[in-house]
Each structure stands twice: as C-alpha cells, then as structure tokens.
Full PDB file with SEQRES, HELIX, SHEET, SSBOND, CRYST1, ORIGX, SCALE, CONECT and MASTER records, all heavy atoms in Angstrom:
SEQRES   1 A   37  ALA ARG LEU THR GLU GLU GLN TYR ILE SER LYS ALA GLN          
SEQRES   2 A   37  ALA ASP SER ILE ASP ARG ASP ALA LEU SER ALA PHE PHE          
SEQRES   3 A   37  ARG SER GLU ALA ALA GLU ARG MET LEU ARG ALA                  
HELIX    1 AA1 ARG A    2  GLU A    5  1                                   4    
HELIX    2 AA2 LYS A   11  SER A   16  1                                   6    
HELIX    3 AA3 ARG A   19  PHE A   26  1                                   8    
HELIX    4 AA4 GLU A   29  ARG A   36  1                                   8    
CRYST1    1.000    1.000    1.000  90.00  90.00  90.00 P 1           1          
ORIGX1      1.000000  0.000000  0.000000        0.00000                         
ORIGX2      0.000000  1.000000  0.000000        0.00000                         
ORIGX3      0.000000  0.000000  1.000000        0.00000                         
SCALE1      1.000000  0.000000  0.000000        0.00000                         
SCALE2      0.000000  1.000000  0.000000        0.00000                         
SCALE3      0.000000  0.000000  1.000000        0.00000                         
ATOM      1  N   ALA A   1      -3.325  -5.976  -5.555  1.00  0.00           N  
ATOM      2  CA  ALA A   1      -3.890  -6.715  -6.721  1.00  0.00           C  
ATOM      3  C   ALA A   1      -4.504  -5.801  -7.697  1.00  0.00           C  
ATOM      4  O   ALA A   1      -4.268  -5.964  -8.961  1.00  0.00           O  
ATOM      5  CB  ALA A   1      -4.782  -7.821  -6.284  1.00  0.00           C  
ATOM      6  N   ARG A   2      -5.294  -4.836  -7.252  1.00  0.00           N  
ATOM      7  CA  ARG A   2      -6.004  -3.922  -8.161  1.00  0.00           C  
ATOM      8  C   ARG A   2      -5.009  -3.112  -8.990  1.00  0.00           C  
ATOM      9  O   ARG A   2      -5.035  -2.924 -10.152  1.00  0.00           O  
ATOM     10  CB  ARG A   2      -6.931  -3.046  -7.430  1.00  0.00           C  
ATOM     11  CG  ARG A   2      -7.750  -2.076  -8.327  1.00  0.00           C  
ATOM     12  CD  ARG A   2      -8.575  -1.019  -7.522  1.00  0.00           C  
ATOM     13  NE  ARG A   2      -7.790  -0.008  -6.871  1.00  0.00           N  
ATOM     14  CZ  ARG A   2      -7.262   1.087  -7.496  1.00  0.00           C  
ATOM     15  NH1 ARG A   2      -7.485   1.321  -8.726  1.00  0.00           N  
ATOM     16  NH2 ARG A   2      -6.504   1.984  -6.805  1.00  0.00           N  
ATOM     17  N   LEU A   3      -4.007  -2.582  -8.291  1.00  0.00           N  
ATOM     18  CA  LEU A   3      -2.944  -1.754  -8.863  1.00  0.00           C  
ATOM     19  C   LEU A   3      -2.114  -2.476  -9.877  1.00  0.00           C  
ATOM     20  O   LEU A   3      -1.709  -1.998 -10.915  1.00  0.00           O  
ATOM     21  CB  LEU A   3      -2.046  -1.051  -7.863  1.00  0.00           C  
ATOM     22  CG  LEU A   3      -2.747   0.014  -6.985  1.00  0.00           C  
ATOM     23  CD1 LEU A   3      -1.794   0.672  -6.012  1.00  0.00           C  
ATOM     24  CD2 LEU A   3      -3.407   1.132  -7.773  1.00  0.00           C  
ATOM     25  N   THR A   4      -1.873  -3.787  -9.549  1.00  0.00           N  
ATOM     26  CA  THR A   4      -1.215  -4.644 -10.491  1.00  0.00           C  
ATOM     27  C   THR A   4      -1.993  -4.924 -11.740  1.00  0.00           C  
ATOM     28  O   THR A   4      -1.552  -4.785 -12.880  1.00  0.00           O  
ATOM     29  CB  THR A   4      -0.780  -5.996  -9.790  1.00  0.00           C  
ATOM     30  OG1 THR A   4      -0.027  -5.673  -8.658  1.00  0.00           O  
ATOM     31  CG2 THR A   4       0.100  -6.845 -10.758  1.00  0.00           C  
ATOM     32  N   GLU A   5      -3.261  -5.291 -11.588  1.00  0.00           N  
ATOM     33  CA  GLU A   5      -4.166  -5.521 -12.632  1.00  0.00           C  
ATOM     34  C   GLU A   5      -4.364  -4.297 -13.539  1.00  0.00           C  
ATOM     35  O   GLU A   5      -4.359  -4.428 -14.747  1.00  0.00           O  
ATOM     36  CB  GLU A   5      -5.483  -5.964 -12.075  1.00  0.00           C  
ATOM     37  CG  GLU A   5      -6.539  -6.328 -13.140  1.00  0.00           C  
ATOM     38  CD  GLU A   5      -7.895  -6.774 -12.478  1.00  0.00           C  
ATOM     39  OE1 GLU A   5      -7.884  -7.610 -11.618  1.00  0.00           O  
ATOM     40  OE2 GLU A   5      -8.976  -6.208 -12.915  1.00  0.00           O  
ATOM     41  N   GLU A   6      -4.459  -3.189 -12.976  1.00  0.00           N  
ATOM     42  CA  GLU A   6      -4.595  -1.909 -13.729  1.00  0.00           C  
ATOM     43  C   GLU A   6      -3.257  -1.369 -14.206  1.00  0.00           C  
ATOM     44  O   GLU A   6      -3.269  -0.236 -14.752  1.00  0.00           O  
ATOM     45  CB  GLU A   6      -5.420  -0.921 -12.973  1.00  0.00           C  
ATOM     46  CG  GLU A   6      -6.849  -1.332 -12.743  1.00  0.00           C  
ATOM     47  CD  GLU A   6      -7.689  -0.409 -11.875  1.00  0.00           C  
ATOM     48  OE1 GLU A   6      -7.234   0.770 -11.685  1.00  0.00           O  
ATOM     49  OE2 GLU A   6      -8.746  -0.897 -11.442  1.00  0.00           O  
ATOM     50  N   GLN A   7      -2.187  -2.100 -14.006  1.00  0.00           N  
ATOM     51  CA  GLN A   7      -0.802  -1.758 -14.451  1.00  0.00           C  
ATOM     52  C   GLN A   7      -0.273  -0.423 -13.933  1.00  0.00           C  
ATOM     53  O   GLN A   7       0.583   0.187 -14.558  1.00  0.00           O  
ATOM     54  CB  GLN A   7      -0.775  -1.814 -15.986  1.00  0.00           C  
ATOM     55  CG  GLN A   7      -1.128  -3.210 -16.492  1.00  0.00           C  
ATOM     56  CD  GLN A   7      -1.047  -3.246 -18.049  1.00  0.00           C  
ATOM     57  OE1 GLN A   7      -1.046  -2.247 -18.741  1.00  0.00           O  
ATOM     58  NE2 GLN A   7      -1.042  -4.488 -18.516  1.00  0.00           N  
ATOM     59  N   TYR A   8      -0.653  -0.116 -12.666  1.00  0.00           N  
ATOM     60  CA  TYR A   8       0.046   1.013 -12.012  1.00  0.00           C  
ATOM     61  C   TYR A   8       1.371   0.574 -11.464  1.00  0.00           C  
ATOM     62  O   TYR A   8       2.279   1.316 -11.315  1.00  0.00           O  
ATOM     63  CB  TYR A   8      -0.839   1.595 -10.813  1.00  0.00           C  
ATOM     64  CG  TYR A   8      -2.009   2.382 -11.278  1.00  0.00           C  
ATOM     65  CD1 TYR A   8      -3.237   1.825 -11.407  1.00  0.00           C  
ATOM     66  CD2 TYR A   8      -1.900   3.660 -11.738  1.00  0.00           C  
ATOM     67  CE1 TYR A   8      -4.353   2.558 -11.863  1.00  0.00           C  
ATOM     68  CE2 TYR A   8      -2.964   4.451 -12.074  1.00  0.00           C  
ATOM     69  CZ  TYR A   8      -4.219   3.835 -12.191  1.00  0.00           C  
ATOM     70  OH  TYR A   8      -5.306   4.621 -12.593  1.00  0.00           O  
ATOM     71  N   ILE A   9       1.400  -0.779 -11.056  1.00  0.00           N  
ATOM     72  CA  ILE A   9       2.704  -1.372 -10.623  1.00  0.00           C  
ATOM     73  C   ILE A   9       2.747  -2.681 -11.307  1.00  0.00           C  
ATOM     74  O   ILE A   9       1.763  -3.273 -11.691  1.00  0.00           O  
ATOM     75  CB  ILE A   9       2.694  -1.525  -9.019  1.00  0.00           C  
ATOM     76  CG1 ILE A   9       1.529  -2.409  -8.515  1.00  0.00           C  
ATOM     77  CG2 ILE A   9       2.766  -0.175  -8.349  1.00  0.00           C  
ATOM     78  CD1 ILE A   9       1.614  -2.745  -7.034  1.00  0.00           C  
ATOM     79  N   SER A  10       4.040  -3.186 -11.408  1.00  0.00           N  
ATOM     80  CA  SER A  10       4.252  -4.418 -12.103  1.00  0.00           C  
ATOM     81  C   SER A  10       4.082  -5.552 -11.056  1.00  0.00           C  
ATOM     82  O   SER A  10       4.039  -5.390  -9.859  1.00  0.00           O  
ATOM     83  CB  SER A  10       5.695  -4.500 -12.666  1.00  0.00           C  
ATOM     84  OG  SER A  10       6.654  -4.566 -11.574  1.00  0.00           O  
ATOM     85  N   LYS A  11       4.100  -6.842 -11.559  1.00  0.00           N  
ATOM     86  CA  LYS A  11       3.974  -7.962 -10.715  1.00  0.00           C  
ATOM     87  C   LYS A  11       5.174  -8.032  -9.836  1.00  0.00           C  
ATOM     88  O   LYS A  11       5.048  -8.328  -8.572  1.00  0.00           O  
ATOM     89  CB  LYS A  11       3.808  -9.179 -11.605  1.00  0.00           C  
ATOM     90  CG  LYS A  11       3.919 -10.530 -10.795  1.00  0.00           C  
ATOM     91  CD  LYS A  11       2.612 -11.032 -10.359  1.00  0.00           C  
ATOM     92  CE  LYS A  11       2.617 -12.465  -9.874  1.00  0.00           C  
ATOM     93  NZ  LYS A  11       3.165 -12.655  -8.555  1.00  0.00           N  
ATOM     94  N   ALA A  12       6.358  -7.786 -10.395  1.00  0.00           N  
ATOM     95  CA  ALA A  12       7.630  -7.745  -9.571  1.00  0.00           C  
ATOM     96  C   ALA A  12       7.557  -6.747  -8.465  1.00  0.00           C  
ATOM     97  O   ALA A  12       7.992  -6.998  -7.366  1.00  0.00           O  
ATOM     98  CB  ALA A  12       8.798  -7.558 -10.414  1.00  0.00           C  
ATOM     99  N   GLN A  13       6.994  -5.532  -8.743  1.00  0.00           N  
ATOM    100  CA  GLN A  13       6.839  -4.510  -7.703  1.00  0.00           C  
ATOM    101  C   GLN A  13       5.858  -4.986  -6.624  1.00  0.00           C  
ATOM    102  O   GLN A  13       6.150  -4.861  -5.491  1.00  0.00           O  
ATOM    103  CB  GLN A  13       6.376  -3.212  -8.328  1.00  0.00           C  
ATOM    104  CG  GLN A  13       7.436  -2.471  -9.139  1.00  0.00           C  
ATOM    105  CD  GLN A  13       6.893  -1.186  -9.714  1.00  0.00           C  
ATOM    106  OE1 GLN A  13       5.791  -1.184 -10.436  1.00  0.00           O  
ATOM    107  NE2 GLN A  13       7.487  -0.075  -9.410  1.00  0.00           N  
ATOM    108  N   ALA A  14       4.790  -5.544  -7.110  1.00  0.00           N  
ATOM    109  CA  ALA A  14       3.705  -6.022  -6.156  1.00  0.00           C  
ATOM    110  C   ALA A  14       4.327  -7.031  -5.188  1.00  0.00           C  
ATOM    111  O   ALA A  14       4.114  -7.001  -4.022  1.00  0.00           O  
ATOM    112  CB  ALA A  14       2.504  -6.559  -6.919  1.00  0.00           C  
ATOM    113  N   ASP A  15       5.136  -7.992  -5.752  1.00  0.00           N  
ATOM    114  CA  ASP A  15       5.718  -9.027  -5.021  1.00  0.00           C  
ATOM    115  C   ASP A  15       6.711  -8.500  -3.998  1.00  0.00           C  
ATOM    116  O   ASP A  15       6.904  -9.113  -2.950  1.00  0.00           O  
ATOM    117  CB  ASP A  15       6.347 -10.061  -5.897  1.00  0.00           C  
ATOM    118  CG  ASP A  15       5.288 -10.899  -6.696  1.00  0.00           C  
ATOM    119  OD1 ASP A  15       4.140 -10.887  -6.339  1.00  0.00           O  
ATOM    120  OD2 ASP A  15       5.790 -11.521  -7.673  1.00  0.00           O  
ATOM    121  N   SER A  16       7.248  -7.370  -4.242  1.00  0.00           N  
ATOM    122  CA  SER A  16       8.364  -6.805  -3.450  1.00  0.00           C  
ATOM    123  C   SER A  16       7.820  -6.008  -2.195  1.00  0.00           C  
ATOM    124  O   SER A  16       8.565  -5.727  -1.274  1.00  0.00           O  
ATOM    125  CB  SER A  16       9.267  -5.977  -4.208  1.00  0.00           C  
ATOM    126  OG  SER A  16       8.732  -4.693  -4.493  1.00  0.00           O  
ATOM    127  N   ILE A  17       6.534  -5.635  -2.234  1.00  0.00           N  
ATOM    128  CA  ILE A  17       5.957  -4.820  -1.179  1.00  0.00           C  
ATOM    129  C   ILE A  17       5.844  -5.626   0.108  1.00  0.00           C  
ATOM    130  O   ILE A  17       5.178  -6.647   0.097  1.00  0.00           O  
ATOM    131  CB  ILE A  17       4.685  -4.156  -1.583  1.00  0.00           C  
ATOM    132  CG1 ILE A  17       4.930  -3.183  -2.761  1.00  0.00           C  
ATOM    133  CG2 ILE A  17       3.938  -3.446  -0.493  1.00  0.00           C  
ATOM    134  CD1 ILE A  17       3.680  -2.637  -3.477  1.00  0.00           C  
ATOM    135  N   ASP A  18       6.424  -5.073   1.164  1.00  0.00           N  
ATOM    136  CA  ASP A  18       6.325  -5.710   2.440  1.00  0.00           C  
ATOM    137  C   ASP A  18       4.943  -5.511   3.053  1.00  0.00           C  
ATOM    138  O   ASP A  18       4.571  -4.422   3.409  1.00  0.00           O  
ATOM    139  CB  ASP A  18       7.380  -5.085   3.401  1.00  0.00           C  
ATOM    140  CG  ASP A  18       7.373  -5.719   4.745  1.00  0.00           C  
ATOM    141  OD1 ASP A  18       6.346  -6.174   5.290  1.00  0.00           O  
ATOM    142  OD2 ASP A  18       8.509  -5.654   5.363  1.00  0.00           O  
ATOM    143  N   ARG A  19       4.133  -6.555   3.030  1.00  0.00           N  
ATOM    144  CA  ARG A  19       2.732  -6.509   3.502  1.00  0.00           C  
ATOM    145  C   ARG A  19       2.591  -6.103   4.978  1.00  0.00           C  
ATOM    146  O   ARG A  19       1.680  -5.348   5.277  1.00  0.00           O  
ATOM    147  CB  ARG A  19       2.050  -7.875   3.268  1.00  0.00           C  
ATOM    148  CG  ARG A  19       1.429  -8.180   1.851  1.00  0.00           C  
ATOM    149  CD  ARG A  19       2.158  -7.688   0.763  1.00  0.00           C  
ATOM    150  NE  ARG A  19       1.559  -8.243  -0.489  1.00  0.00           N  
ATOM    151  CZ  ARG A  19       2.188  -8.253  -1.647  1.00  0.00           C  
ATOM    152  NH1 ARG A  19       3.397  -7.856  -1.747  1.00  0.00           N  
ATOM    153  NH2 ARG A  19       1.533  -8.686  -2.685  1.00  0.00           N  
ATOM    154  N   ASP A  20       3.503  -6.598   5.771  1.00  0.00           N  
ATOM    155  CA  ASP A  20       3.386  -6.256   7.243  1.00  0.00           C  
ATOM    156  C   ASP A  20       3.625  -4.826   7.387  1.00  0.00           C  
ATOM    157  O   ASP A  20       3.031  -4.092   8.264  1.00  0.00           O  
ATOM    158  CB  ASP A  20       4.402  -7.110   8.058  1.00  0.00           C  
ATOM    159  CG  ASP A  20       4.042  -8.530   8.065  1.00  0.00           C  
ATOM    160  OD1 ASP A  20       2.776  -8.913   7.857  1.00  0.00           O  
ATOM    161  OD2 ASP A  20       4.885  -9.406   8.298  1.00  0.00           O  
ATOM    162  N   ALA A  21       4.676  -4.290   6.732  1.00  0.00           N  
ATOM    163  CA  ALA A  21       5.041  -2.839   6.843  1.00  0.00           C  
ATOM    164  C   ALA A  21       3.839  -1.959   6.356  1.00  0.00           C  
ATOM    165  O   ALA A  21       3.597  -0.950   6.936  1.00  0.00           O  
ATOM    166  CB  ALA A  21       6.292  -2.518   6.115  1.00  0.00           C  
ATOM    167  N   LEU A  22       3.253  -2.349   5.261  1.00  0.00           N  
ATOM    168  CA  LEU A  22       2.180  -1.667   4.681  1.00  0.00           C  
ATOM    169  C   LEU A  22       0.933  -1.631   5.595  1.00  0.00           C  
ATOM    170  O   LEU A  22       0.291  -0.630   5.885  1.00  0.00           O  
ATOM    171  CB  LEU A  22       1.729  -2.291   3.335  1.00  0.00           C  
ATOM    172  CG  LEU A  22       0.909  -1.445   2.453  1.00  0.00           C  
ATOM    173  CD1 LEU A  22       1.626  -0.125   2.009  1.00  0.00           C  
ATOM    174  CD2 LEU A  22       0.663  -2.187   1.125  1.00  0.00           C  
ATOM    175  N   SER A  23       0.622  -2.872   6.199  1.00  0.00           N  
ATOM    176  CA  SER A  23      -0.479  -2.894   7.174  1.00  0.00           C  
ATOM    177  C   SER A  23      -0.213  -2.038   8.419  1.00  0.00           C  
ATOM    178  O   SER A  23      -1.155  -1.335   8.887  1.00  0.00           O  
ATOM    179  CB  SER A  23      -0.645  -4.357   7.633  1.00  0.00           C  
ATOM    180  OG  SER A  23      -1.083  -5.111   6.572  1.00  0.00           O  
ATOM    181  N   ALA A  24       1.094  -2.026   8.873  1.00  0.00           N  
ATOM    182  CA  ALA A  24       1.419  -1.098   9.996  1.00  0.00           C  
ATOM    183  C   ALA A  24       1.159   0.296   9.642  1.00  0.00           C  
ATOM    184  O   ALA A  24       0.654   1.074  10.471  1.00  0.00           O  
ATOM    185  CB  ALA A  24       2.827  -1.440  10.441  1.00  0.00           C  
ATOM    186  N   PHE A  25       1.547   0.656   8.446  1.00  0.00           N  
ATOM    187  CA  PHE A  25       1.341   2.025   8.049  1.00  0.00           C  
ATOM    188  C   PHE A  25      -0.098   2.443   8.082  1.00  0.00           C  
ATOM    189  O   PHE A  25      -0.496   3.494   8.631  1.00  0.00           O  
ATOM    190  CB  PHE A  25       1.861   2.321   6.567  1.00  0.00           C  
ATOM    191  CG  PHE A  25       1.436   3.659   6.076  1.00  0.00           C  
ATOM    192  CD1 PHE A  25       2.101   4.839   6.542  1.00  0.00           C  
ATOM    193  CD2 PHE A  25       0.352   3.807   5.168  1.00  0.00           C  
ATOM    194  CE1 PHE A  25       1.680   6.075   6.109  1.00  0.00           C  
ATOM    195  CE2 PHE A  25       0.001   5.071   4.744  1.00  0.00           C  
ATOM    196  CZ  PHE A  25       0.595   6.204   5.234  1.00  0.00           C  
ATOM    197  N   PHE A  26      -0.970   1.614   7.563  1.00  0.00           N  
ATOM    198  CA  PHE A  26      -2.403   1.893   7.533  1.00  0.00           C  
ATOM    199  C   PHE A  26      -3.118   1.839   8.930  1.00  0.00           C  
ATOM    200  O   PHE A  26      -4.203   2.332   9.028  1.00  0.00           O  
ATOM    201  CB  PHE A  26      -3.141   1.093   6.533  1.00  0.00           C  
ATOM    202  CG  PHE A  26      -2.871   1.562   5.047  1.00  0.00           C  
ATOM    203  CD1 PHE A  26      -2.013   0.897   4.249  1.00  0.00           C  
ATOM    204  CD2 PHE A  26      -3.425   2.758   4.654  1.00  0.00           C  
ATOM    205  CE1 PHE A  26      -1.705   1.457   3.016  1.00  0.00           C  
ATOM    206  CE2 PHE A  26      -3.161   3.251   3.354  1.00  0.00           C  
ATOM    207  CZ  PHE A  26      -2.331   2.630   2.599  1.00  0.00           C  
ATOM    208  N   ARG A  27      -2.406   1.414   9.938  1.00  0.00           N  
ATOM    209  CA  ARG A  27      -2.853   1.500  11.300  1.00  0.00           C  
ATOM    210  C   ARG A  27      -2.311   2.709  12.012  1.00  0.00           C  
ATOM    211  O   ARG A  27      -2.562   2.931  13.142  1.00  0.00           O  
ATOM    212  CB  ARG A  27      -2.462   0.214  12.082  1.00  0.00           C  
ATOM    213  CG  ARG A  27      -3.261  -1.052  11.634  1.00  0.00           C  
ATOM    214  CD  ARG A  27      -3.041  -2.189  12.641  1.00  0.00           C  
ATOM    215  NE  ARG A  27      -1.658  -2.517  12.803  1.00  0.00           N  
ATOM    216  CZ  ARG A  27      -0.908  -3.326  12.029  1.00  0.00           C  
ATOM    217  NH1 ARG A  27      -1.502  -3.994  11.005  1.00  0.00           N  
ATOM    218  NH2 ARG A  27       0.388  -3.569  12.333  1.00  0.00           N  
ATOM    219  N   SER A  28      -1.402   3.491  11.289  1.00  0.00           N  
ATOM    220  CA  SER A  28      -0.665   4.595  11.984  1.00  0.00           C  
ATOM    221  C   SER A  28      -1.498   5.849  11.969  1.00  0.00           C  
ATOM    222  O   SER A  28      -2.441   6.019  11.211  1.00  0.00           O  
ATOM    223  CB  SER A  28       0.597   4.767  11.247  1.00  0.00           C  
ATOM    224  OG  SER A  28       0.402   5.431  10.000  1.00  0.00           O  
ATOM    225  N   GLU A  29      -0.967   6.787  12.799  1.00  0.00           N  
ATOM    226  CA  GLU A  29      -1.521   8.104  12.883  1.00  0.00           C  
ATOM    227  C   GLU A  29      -1.407   8.841  11.583  1.00  0.00           C  
ATOM    228  O   GLU A  29      -2.278   9.561  11.187  1.00  0.00           O  
ATOM    229  CB  GLU A  29      -0.968   8.837  14.073  1.00  0.00           C  
ATOM    230  CG  GLU A  29      -1.574  10.251  14.177  1.00  0.00           C  
ATOM    231  CD  GLU A  29      -0.993  11.076  15.346  1.00  0.00           C  
ATOM    232  OE1 GLU A  29      -0.503  10.435  16.352  1.00  0.00           O  
ATOM    233  OE2 GLU A  29      -0.862  12.264  15.194  1.00  0.00           O  
ATOM    234  N   ALA A  30      -0.250   8.602  10.928  1.00  0.00           N  
ATOM    235  CA  ALA A  30      -0.033   9.231   9.647  1.00  0.00           C  
ATOM    236  C   ALA A  30      -1.024   8.911   8.616  1.00  0.00           C  
ATOM    237  O   ALA A  30      -1.574   9.797   7.950  1.00  0.00           O  
ATOM    238  CB  ALA A  30       1.369   8.871   9.112  1.00  0.00           C  
ATOM    239  N   ALA A  31      -1.454   7.644   8.581  1.00  0.00           N  
ATOM    240  CA  ALA A  31      -2.481   7.209   7.622  1.00  0.00           C  
ATOM    241  C   ALA A  31      -3.760   7.771   7.976  1.00  0.00           C  
ATOM    242  O   ALA A  31      -4.577   8.222   7.095  1.00  0.00           O  
ATOM    243  CB  ALA A  31      -2.586   5.650   7.598  1.00  0.00           C  
ATOM    244  N   GLU A  32      -4.057   7.802   9.313  1.00  0.00           N  
ATOM    245  CA  GLU A  32      -5.414   8.358   9.718  1.00  0.00           C  
ATOM    246  C   GLU A  32      -5.460   9.853   9.350  1.00  0.00           C  
ATOM    247  O   GLU A  32      -6.517  10.330   8.902  1.00  0.00           O  
ATOM    248  CB  GLU A  32      -5.571   8.189  11.242  1.00  0.00           C  
ATOM    249  CG  GLU A  32      -5.830   6.755  11.655  1.00  0.00           C  
ATOM    250  CD  GLU A  32      -5.872   6.592  13.137  1.00  0.00           C  
ATOM    251  OE1 GLU A  32      -6.102   7.625  13.897  1.00  0.00           O  
ATOM    252  OE2 GLU A  32      -5.567   5.497  13.612  1.00  0.00           O  
ATOM    253  N   ARG A  33      -4.348  10.505   9.500  1.00  0.00           N  
ATOM    254  CA  ARG A  33      -4.251  11.947   9.202  1.00  0.00           C  
ATOM    255  C   ARG A  33      -4.493  12.139   7.697  1.00  0.00           C  
ATOM    256  O   ARG A  33      -5.142  13.132   7.309  1.00  0.00           O  
ATOM    257  CB  ARG A  33      -3.007  12.529   9.719  1.00  0.00           C  
ATOM    258  CG  ARG A  33      -2.928  13.997   9.804  1.00  0.00           C  
ATOM    259  CD  ARG A  33      -1.743  14.422  10.622  1.00  0.00           C  
ATOM    260  NE  ARG A  33      -1.880  15.866  10.925  1.00  0.00           N  
ATOM    261  CZ  ARG A  33      -1.047  16.524  11.647  1.00  0.00           C  
ATOM    262  NH1 ARG A  33      -0.017  15.942  12.210  1.00  0.00           N  
ATOM    263  NH2 ARG A  33      -1.306  17.759  11.879  1.00  0.00           N  
ATOM    264  N   MET A  34      -3.884  11.281   6.887  1.00  0.00           N  
ATOM    265  CA  MET A  34      -4.010  11.390   5.437  1.00  0.00           C  
ATOM    266  C   MET A  34      -5.511  11.240   5.067  1.00  0.00           C  
ATOM    267  O   MET A  34      -6.040  11.946   4.242  1.00  0.00           O  
ATOM    268  CB  MET A  34      -3.202  10.396   4.775  1.00  0.00           C  
ATOM    269  CG  MET A  34      -1.702  10.654   4.802  1.00  0.00           C  
ATOM    270  SD  MET A  34      -0.655   9.330   4.209  1.00  0.00           S  
ATOM    271  CE  MET A  34      -0.975   9.296   2.470  1.00  0.00           C  
ATOM    272  N   LEU A  35      -6.150  10.272   5.746  1.00  0.00           N  
ATOM    273  CA  LEU A  35      -7.548  10.010   5.371  1.00  0.00           C  
ATOM    274  C   LEU A  35      -8.504  11.048   5.717  1.00  0.00           C  
ATOM    275  O   LEU A  35      -9.484  11.337   5.101  1.00  0.00           O  
ATOM    276  CB  LEU A  35      -8.006   8.677   6.024  1.00  0.00           C  
ATOM    277  CG  LEU A  35      -7.503   7.370   5.293  1.00  0.00           C  
ATOM    278  CD1 LEU A  35      -7.640   6.212   6.251  1.00  0.00           C  
ATOM    279  CD2 LEU A  35      -8.290   7.213   4.018  1.00  0.00           C  
ATOM    280  N   ARG A  36      -8.213  11.795   6.821  1.00  0.00           N  
ATOM    281  CA  ARG A  36      -9.100  12.885   7.282  1.00  0.00           C  
ATOM    282  C   ARG A  36      -8.733  14.255   6.784  1.00  0.00           C  
ATOM    283  O   ARG A  36      -9.517  15.170   7.016  1.00  0.00           O  
ATOM    284  CB  ARG A  36      -9.280  12.807   8.821  1.00  0.00           C  
ATOM    285  CG  ARG A  36      -8.168  13.186   9.577  1.00  0.00           C  
ATOM    286  CD  ARG A  36      -8.499  13.284  11.142  1.00  0.00           C  
ATOM    287  NE  ARG A  36      -7.373  13.764  11.883  1.00  0.00           N  
ATOM    288  CZ  ARG A  36      -6.482  12.980  12.477  1.00  0.00           C  
ATOM    289  NH1 ARG A  36      -6.636  11.697  12.428  1.00  0.00           N  
ATOM    290  NH2 ARG A  36      -5.458  13.535  13.105  1.00  0.00           N  
ATOM    291  N   ALA A  37      -7.606  14.384   6.136  1.00  0.00           N  
ATOM    292  CA  ALA A  37      -7.238  15.716   5.672  1.00  0.00           C  
ATOM    293  C   ALA A  37      -8.145  16.283   4.607  1.00  0.00           C  
ATOM    294  O   ALA A  37      -8.686  15.485   3.730  1.00  0.00           O  
ATOM    295  CB  ALA A  37      -5.773  15.674   5.049  1.00  0.00           C  
TER     296      ALA A  37                                                      
MASTER        0    0    0    4    0    0    0    6  295    1    0    3          
END                                                                             
C-alpha cells in the first residue's frame, strides 16, 4: 500500500503481487540474510 501510494508501483502492479509468495519470501533464509547483511 505504501509503495502504491508513493507511486513506486501502480495499482495494477500492486494487485498482481502474490501475497502468499511474498509472505513466504519474508520468512525465508534469503530474506533473513538480506536483513542482516
């Protein structure tokens, strides 16, 4: 919602993002590694 409001992504782009896949990513080791790098 923030990125849509600030026009980094369009409403159509926002609607197309798979929320479940995104949530899974942020629970992954890759995301943890990105956060602590």
